[in-house]
Amino acid sequence: MNLPTVNDKQIIEILKKQTEQVIGQPVKTPKDFTLLAEKIFRRIHVQISPTTLKRLWGYLNEPVAPRPSTLNYLAQFLGYSNLASFCESVHCPLDPQSHLVISRMIAAEQIPLRAHIRLTWAPERVCEIVHEGNGKFSVLRSQKTKLEAGDTFECKLFIEKEPLYLYNLIHSGQEIPAYVAGKKDGIYFEYI
């Protein structure tokens, strides 16, 4: 997972909200920031100045981005090993579990027999396949992917900007239950 930038306001807001939940009160006054700094020091033995906390909470109107180390310390205060583990734990609630597909898509049953298709996904992955019929495909050529010429697989649906799930993959003569292409940013396809 990519870490959010320190300017990712949503992650910072969740971090602040959870911090307030842990200490059992909102952080709004100079006294609150001093108290929070003391609690952080007692728990993780790291000194964060009340002024730094005031900037982070927006109590001081200064256009200064928080340091990654400050966010790491707050995540540690909450019981995480670092900001990355905190972000992983809150990642799912930020992502919807369902969404409408509005991208271009094609079902395997709509693809003509022996049609050639080019699949692409980041970073710079290219795989050219041919439809053998009934949702079965063979790899003709590939660049920078684990798939190789001669591999075969089944797939019933291709949706742009979504991961592509291949199953019953035969790779180098070995049966592989499944393979996911474009897991992070999805795939694109075109007839060639």
C-alpha atoms as a PDB file:
ATOM      1  CA  MET A   1       0.000   0.000   0.000  1.00  0.00           C
ATOM      2  CA  ASN A   2       1.187   3.511  -0.765  1.00  0.00           C
ATOM      3  CA  LEU A   3       1.405   5.768   2.237  1.00  0.00           C
ATOM      4  CA  PRO A   4      -0.720   8.867   2.035  1.00  0.00           C
ATOM      5  CA  THR A   5       1.181  12.092   1.840  1.00  0.00           C
ATOM      6  CA  VAL A   6       1.415  14.059   5.058  1.00  0.00           C
ATOM      7  CA  ASN A   7      -1.096  16.441   3.495  1.00  0.00           C
ATOM      8  CA  ASP A   8      -3.758  13.750   3.252  1.00  0.00           C
ATOM      9  CA  LYS A   9      -6.333  15.520   5.373  1.00  0.00           C
ATOM     10  CA  GLN A  10      -8.659  12.538   5.683  1.00  0.00           C
ATOM     11  CA  ILE A  11      -5.992  10.329   7.281  1.00  0.00           C
ATOM     12  CA  ILE A  12      -4.900  13.168   9.557  1.00  0.00           C
ATOM     13  CA  GLU A  13      -8.494  13.812  10.637  1.00  0.00           C
ATOM     14  CA  ILE A  14      -8.982  10.131  11.493  1.00  0.00           C
ATOM     15  CA  LEU A  15      -5.675  10.128  13.386  1.00  0.00           C
ATOM     16  CA  LYS A  16      -6.764  13.175  15.416  1.00  0.00           C
ATOM     17  CA  LYS A  17     -10.237  11.769  16.087  1.00  0.00           C
ATOM     18  CA  GLN A  18      -8.840   8.457  17.329  1.00  0.00           C
ATOM     19  CA  THR A  19      -6.329  10.301  19.505  1.00  0.00           C
ATOM     20  CA  GLU A  20      -9.175  12.235  21.131  1.00  0.00           C
ATOM     21  CA  GLN A  21     -11.071   8.979  21.662  1.00  0.00           C
ATOM     22  CA  VAL A  22      -8.047   7.421  23.363  1.00  0.00           C
ATOM     23  CA  ILE A  23      -7.608  10.333  25.768  1.00  0.00           C
ATOM     24  CA  GLY A  24     -11.364  10.572  26.288  1.00  0.00           C
ATOM     25  CA  GLN A  25     -11.843  14.228  25.421  1.00  0.00           C
ATOM     26  CA  PRO A  26     -11.623  16.696  22.525  1.00  0.00           C
ATOM     27  CA  VAL A  27      -8.412  18.660  22.165  1.00  0.00           C
ATOM     28  CA  LYS A  28      -9.416  22.325  21.923  1.00  0.00           C
ATOM     29  CA  THR A  29      -7.614  24.502  24.462  1.00  0.00           C
ATOM     30  CA  PRO A  30      -3.948  25.248  25.174  1.00  0.00           C
ATOM     31  CA  LYS A  31      -4.279  23.175  28.346  1.00  0.00           C
ATOM     32  CA  ASP A  32      -5.605  20.219  26.263  1.00  0.00           C
ATOM     33  CA  PHE A  33      -2.555  20.356  23.969  1.00  0.00           C
ATOM     34  CA  THR A  34      -0.175  20.428  26.930  1.00  0.00           C
ATOM     35  CA  LEU A  35      -2.009  17.475  28.479  1.00  0.00           C
ATOM     36  CA  LEU A  36      -1.870  15.526  25.197  1.00  0.00           C
ATOM     37  CA  ALA A  37       1.875  16.195  24.846  1.00  0.00           C
ATOM     38  CA  GLU A  38       2.388  14.842  28.364  1.00  0.00           C
ATOM     39  CA  LYS A  39       0.293  11.728  27.673  1.00  0.00           C
ATOM     40  CA  ILE A  40       2.230  11.058  24.476  1.00  0.00           C
ATOM     41  CA  PHE A  41       5.520  11.356  26.372  1.00  0.00           C
ATOM     42  CA  ARG A  42       4.336   9.041  29.160  1.00  0.00           C
ATOM     43  CA  ARG A  43       3.132   6.396  26.727  1.00  0.00           C
ATOM     44  CA  ILE A  44       5.829   6.319  24.013  1.00  0.00           C
ATOM     45  CA  HIS A  45       8.645   8.409  25.566  1.00  0.00           C
ATOM     46  CA  VAL A  46       8.720  10.895  22.700  1.00  0.00           C
ATOM     47  CA  GLN A  47       8.438  14.636  23.159  1.00  0.00           C
ATOM     48  CA  ILE A  48       6.027  16.442  20.818  1.00  0.00           C
ATOM     49  CA  SER A  49       5.629  20.095  21.615  1.00  0.00           C
ATOM     50  CA  PRO A  50       2.160  21.453  22.373  1.00  0.00           C
ATOM     51  CA  THR A  51       2.772  24.003  19.595  1.00  0.00           C
ATOM     52  CA  THR A  52       3.247  21.198  17.052  1.00  0.00           C
ATOM     53  CA  LEU A  53       0.009  19.611  18.235  1.00  0.00           C
ATOM     54  CA  LYS A  54      -1.777  22.977  18.013  1.00  0.00           C
ATOM     55  CA  ARG A  55      -0.675  23.287  14.371  1.00  0.00           C
ATOM     56  CA  LEU A  56      -1.819  19.763  13.585  1.00  0.00           C
ATOM     57  CA  TRP A  57      -5.243  20.318  15.163  1.00  0.00           C
ATOM     58  CA  GLY A  58      -5.610  23.682  13.410  1.00  0.00           C
ATOM     59  CA  TYR A  59      -5.643  25.647  16.655  1.00  0.00           C
ATOM     60  CA  LEU A  60      -2.811  27.750  15.212  1.00  0.00           C
ATOM     61  CA  ASN A  61      -3.599  28.956  11.733  1.00  0.00           C
ATOM     62  CA  GLU A  62      -0.184  28.339  10.193  1.00  0.00           C
ATOM     63  CA  PRO A  63       0.215  26.773   6.745  1.00  0.00           C
ATOM     64  CA  VAL A  64       2.766  24.180   7.854  1.00  0.00           C
ATOM     65  CA  ALA A  65       2.425  20.536   6.796  1.00  0.00           C
ATOM     66  CA  PRO A  66       2.944  18.079   9.640  1.00  0.00           C
ATOM     67  CA  ARG A  67       6.169  16.130   9.641  1.00  0.00           C
ATOM     68  CA  PRO A  68       5.893  12.431   8.897  1.00  0.00           C
ATOM     69  CA  SER A  69       7.640  11.764  12.221  1.00  0.00           C
ATOM     70  CA  THR A  70       4.882  13.618  14.103  1.00  0.00           C
ATOM     71  CA  LEU A  71       2.225  11.487  12.402  1.00  0.00           C
ATOM     72  CA  ASN A  72       4.272   8.354  13.131  1.00  0.00           C
ATOM     73  CA  TYR A  73       4.422   9.298  16.813  1.00  0.00           C
ATOM     74  CA  LEU A  74       0.671   9.839  16.979  1.00  0.00           C
ATOM     75  CA  ALA A  75       0.122   6.453  15.324  1.00  0.00           C
ATOM     76  CA  GLN A  76       2.468   4.895  17.910  1.00  0.00           C
ATOM     77  CA  PHE A  77       0.559   6.655  20.676  1.00  0.00           C
ATOM     78  CA  LEU A  78      -2.562   4.909  19.346  1.00  0.00           C
ATOM     79  CA  GLY A  79      -0.801   1.539  19.568  1.00  0.00           C
ATOM     80  CA  TYR A  80       0.347   1.094  15.962  1.00  0.00           C
ATOM     81  CA  SER A  81       3.957   0.462  15.033  1.00  0.00           C
ATOM     82  CA  ASN A  82       3.991   3.427  12.630  1.00  0.00           C
ATOM     83  CA  LEU A  83       1.854   5.530  10.295  1.00  0.00           C
ATOM     84  CA  ALA A  84       1.895   2.803   7.633  1.00  0.00           C
ATOM     85  CA  SER A  85       0.269   0.249   9.937  1.00  0.00           C
ATOM     86  CA  PHE A  86      -2.267   2.878  11.053  1.00  0.00           C
ATOM     87  CA  CYS A  87      -3.124   3.647   7.424  1.00  0.00           C
ATOM     88  CA  GLU A  88      -3.533  -0.054   6.648  1.00  0.00           C
ATOM     89  CA  SER A  89      -5.948  -0.443   9.539  1.00  0.00           C
ATOM     90  CA  VAL A  90      -8.155   2.464   8.459  1.00  0.00           C
ATOM     91  CA  HIS A  91      -7.811   1.830   4.721  1.00  0.00           C
ATOM     92  CA  CYS A  92     -10.833  -0.467   4.381  1.00  0.00           C
ATOM     93  CA  PRO A  93     -13.303   1.824   6.120  1.00  0.00           C
ATOM     94  CA  LEU A  94     -12.246   4.637   3.780  1.00  0.00           C
ATOM     95  CA  ASP A  95     -12.854   2.517   0.699  1.00  0.00           C
ATOM     96  CA  PRO A  96     -16.419   1.612  -0.137  1.00  0.00           C
ATOM     97  CA  GLN A  97     -17.112  -2.111  -0.148  1.00  0.00           C
ATOM     98  CA  SER A  98     -19.369  -1.782  -3.199  1.00  0.00           C
ATOM     99  CA  HIS A  99     -19.537   0.541  -6.161  1.00  0.00           C
ATOM    100  CA  LEU A 100     -21.233   0.899  -9.511  1.00  0.00           C
ATOM    101  CA  VAL A 101     -19.159  -0.085 -12.526  1.00  0.00           C
ATOM    102  CA  ILE A 102     -19.249   2.708 -15.069  1.00  0.00           C
ATOM    103  CA  SER A 103     -16.192   1.682 -17.058  1.00  0.00           C
ATOM    104  CA  ARG A 104     -16.089  -0.030 -20.406  1.00  0.00           C
ATOM    105  CA  MET A 105     -16.495  -3.790 -20.084  1.00  0.00           C
ATOM    106  CA  ILE A 106     -16.889  -6.875 -22.210  1.00  0.00           C
ATOM    107  CA  ALA A 107     -17.990 -10.402 -21.370  1.00  0.00           C
ATOM    108  CA  ALA A 108     -15.985 -13.284 -22.817  1.00  0.00           C
ATOM    109  CA  GLU A 109     -19.108 -14.558 -24.584  1.00  0.00           C
ATOM    110  CA  GLN A 110     -19.146 -11.304 -26.601  1.00  0.00           C
ATOM    111  CA  ILE A 111     -15.566 -11.749 -27.803  1.00  0.00           C
ATOM    112  CA  PRO A 112     -15.350 -13.394 -31.233  1.00  0.00           C
ATOM    113  CA  LEU A 113     -13.500 -16.693 -31.565  1.00  0.00           C
ATOM    114  CA  ARG A 114      -9.780 -16.141 -32.354  1.00  0.00           C
ATOM    115  CA  ALA A 115     -10.035 -12.412 -31.572  1.00  0.00           C
ATOM    116  CA  HIS A 116      -6.806 -10.854 -30.388  1.00  0.00           C
ATOM    117  CA  ILE A 117      -6.873  -8.532 -27.382  1.00  0.00           C
ATOM    118  CA  ARG A 118      -4.173  -6.369 -25.849  1.00  0.00           C
ATOM    119  CA  LEU A 119      -4.342  -5.989 -22.063  1.00  0.00           C
ATOM    120  CA  THR A 120      -2.368  -3.251 -20.349  1.00  0.00           C
ATOM    121  CA  TRP A 121      -1.883  -2.273 -16.704  1.00  0.00           C
ATOM    122  CA  ALA A 122       0.562  -0.292 -14.611  1.00  0.00           C
ATOM    123  CA  PRO A 123       3.459  -0.131 -14.588  1.00  0.00           C
ATOM    124  CA  GLU A 124       3.986  -0.682 -18.320  1.00  0.00           C
ATOM    125  CA  ARG A 125       2.558  -4.222 -18.354  1.00  0.00           C
ATOM    126  CA  VAL A 126       1.362  -5.515 -21.736  1.00  0.00           C
ATOM    127  CA  CYS A 127      -0.166  -8.884 -22.518  1.00  0.00           C
ATOM    128  CA  GLU A 128      -1.580  -9.922 -25.890  1.00  0.00           C
ATOM    129  CA  ILE A 129      -4.071 -12.784 -25.803  1.00  0.00           C
ATOM    130  CA  VAL A 130      -6.268 -14.719 -28.206  1.00  0.00           C
ATOM    131  CA  HIS A 131      -9.772 -16.016 -27.449  1.00  0.00           C
ATOM    132  CA  GLU A 132      -9.897 -19.789 -27.892  1.00  0.00           C
ATOM    133  CA  GLY A 133     -13.658 -19.928 -27.203  1.00  0.00           C
ATOM    134  CA  ASN A 134     -15.877 -20.397 -24.139  1.00  0.00           C
ATOM    135  CA  GLY A 135     -13.937 -17.843 -22.093  1.00  0.00           C
ATOM    136  CA  LYS A 136     -10.596 -19.605 -22.594  1.00  0.00           C
ATOM    137  CA  PHE A 137      -7.595 -17.568 -23.695  1.00  0.00           C
ATOM    138  CA  SER A 138      -3.971 -18.125 -24.708  1.00  0.00           C
ATOM    139  CA  VAL A 139      -1.148 -15.681 -24.167  1.00  0.00           C
ATOM    140  CA  LEU A 140       0.557 -14.679 -27.421  1.00  0.00           C
ATOM    141  CA  ARG A 141       3.073 -12.166 -26.056  1.00  0.00           C
ATOM    142  CA  SER A 142       3.694 -10.360 -22.800  1.00  0.00           C
ATOM    143  CA  GLN A 143       5.968  -7.650 -21.467  1.00  0.00           C
ATOM    144  CA  LYS A 144       6.883  -7.128 -17.822  1.00  0.00           C
ATOM    145  CA  THR A 145       4.223  -9.566 -16.545  1.00  0.00           C
ATOM    146  CA  LYS A 146       4.386 -12.979 -14.919  1.00  0.00           C
ATOM    147  CA  LEU A 147       2.306 -14.331 -17.790  1.00  0.00           C
ATOM    148  CA  GLU A 148       4.278 -15.904 -20.634  1.00  0.00           C
ATOM    149  CA  ALA A 149       3.592 -16.779 -24.258  1.00  0.00           C
ATOM    150  CA  GLY A 150       1.809 -20.146 -24.318  1.00  0.00           C
ATOM    151  CA  ASP A 151       0.099 -19.718 -20.937  1.00  0.00           C
ATOM    152  CA  THR A 152      -3.630 -20.409 -20.965  1.00  0.00           C
ATOM    153  CA  PHE A 153      -6.382 -19.235 -18.647  1.00  0.00           C
ATOM    154  CA  GLU A 154     -10.083 -18.646 -18.286  1.00  0.00           C
ATOM    155  CA  CYS A 155     -11.783 -15.314 -17.787  1.00  0.00           C
ATOM    156  CA  LYS A 156     -15.451 -14.394 -18.150  1.00  0.00           C
ATOM    157  CA  LEU A 157     -15.358 -10.604 -17.826  1.00  0.00           C
ATOM    158  CA  PHE A 158     -12.965  -7.760 -18.672  1.00  0.00           C
ATOM    159  CA  ILE A 159     -13.680  -4.406 -16.985  1.00  0.00           C
ATOM    160  CA  GLU A 160     -11.491  -1.391 -17.572  1.00  0.00           C
ATOM    161  CA  LYS A 161     -10.048   0.299 -14.470  1.00  0.00           C
ATOM    162  CA  GLU A 162     -10.775  -2.829 -12.387  1.00  0.00           C
ATOM    163  CA  PRO A 163      -8.501  -5.782 -11.537  1.00  0.00           C
ATOM    164  CA  LEU A 164      -8.632  -8.696 -13.952  1.00  0.00           C
ATOM    165  CA  TYR A 165      -9.104 -12.115 -12.352  1.00  0.00           C
ATOM    166  CA  LEU A 166      -7.838 -15.077 -14.331  1.00  0.00           C
ATOM    167  CA  TYR A 167      -8.487 -18.626 -13.230  1.00  0.00           C
ATOM    168  CA  ASN A 168      -7.435 -22.136 -14.242  1.00  0.00           C
ATOM    169  CA  LEU A 169      -4.123 -20.645 -15.356  1.00  0.00           C
ATOM    170  CA  ILE A 170      -1.613 -23.020 -16.911  1.00  0.00           C
ATOM    171  CA  HIS A 171       1.740 -21.259 -16.492  1.00  0.00           C
ATOM    172  CA  SER A 172       4.923 -22.964 -17.681  1.00  0.00           C
ATOM    173  CA  GLY A 173       3.051 -26.276 -17.616  1.00  0.00           C
ATOM    174  CA  GLN A 174       1.963 -25.811 -14.017  1.00  0.00           C
ATOM    175  CA  GLU A 175      -1.631 -25.333 -12.849  1.00  0.00           C
ATOM    176  CA  ILE A 176      -2.134 -22.084 -10.945  1.00  0.00           C
ATOM    177  CA  PRO A 177      -5.579 -21.561  -9.374  1.00  0.00           C
ATOM    178  CA  ALA A 178      -5.779 -17.832 -10.050  1.00  0.00           C
ATOM    179  CA  TYR A 179      -3.883 -14.727 -11.112  1.00  0.00           C
ATOM    180  CA  VAL A 180      -4.786 -11.065 -10.629  1.00  0.00           C
ATOM    181  CA  ALA A 181      -3.631  -8.435 -13.125  1.00  0.00           C
ATOM    182  CA  GLY A 182      -3.854  -4.723 -12.423  1.00  0.00           C
ATOM    183  CA  LYS A 183      -4.719  -5.251  -8.766  1.00  0.00           C
ATOM    184  CA  LYS A 184      -4.155  -1.635  -7.770  1.00  0.00           C
ATOM    185  CA  ASP A 185      -5.264   0.513 -10.723  1.00  0.00           C
ATOM    186  CA  GLY A 186      -7.067  -1.964 -12.939  1.00  0.00           C
ATOM    187  CA  ILE A 187      -6.546  -3.006 -16.554  1.00  0.00           C
ATOM    188  CA  TYR A 188      -7.326  -1.647 -19.995  1.00  0.00           C
ATOM    189  CA  PHE A 189      -8.148  -3.698 -23.072  1.00  0.00           C
ATOM    190  CA  GLU A 190      -8.374  -3.224 -26.838  1.00  0.00           C
ATOM    191  CA  TYR A 191      -8.862  -5.440 -29.857  1.00  0.00           C
ATOM    192  CA  ILE A 192      -5.743  -5.752 -32.028  1.00  0.00           C
END
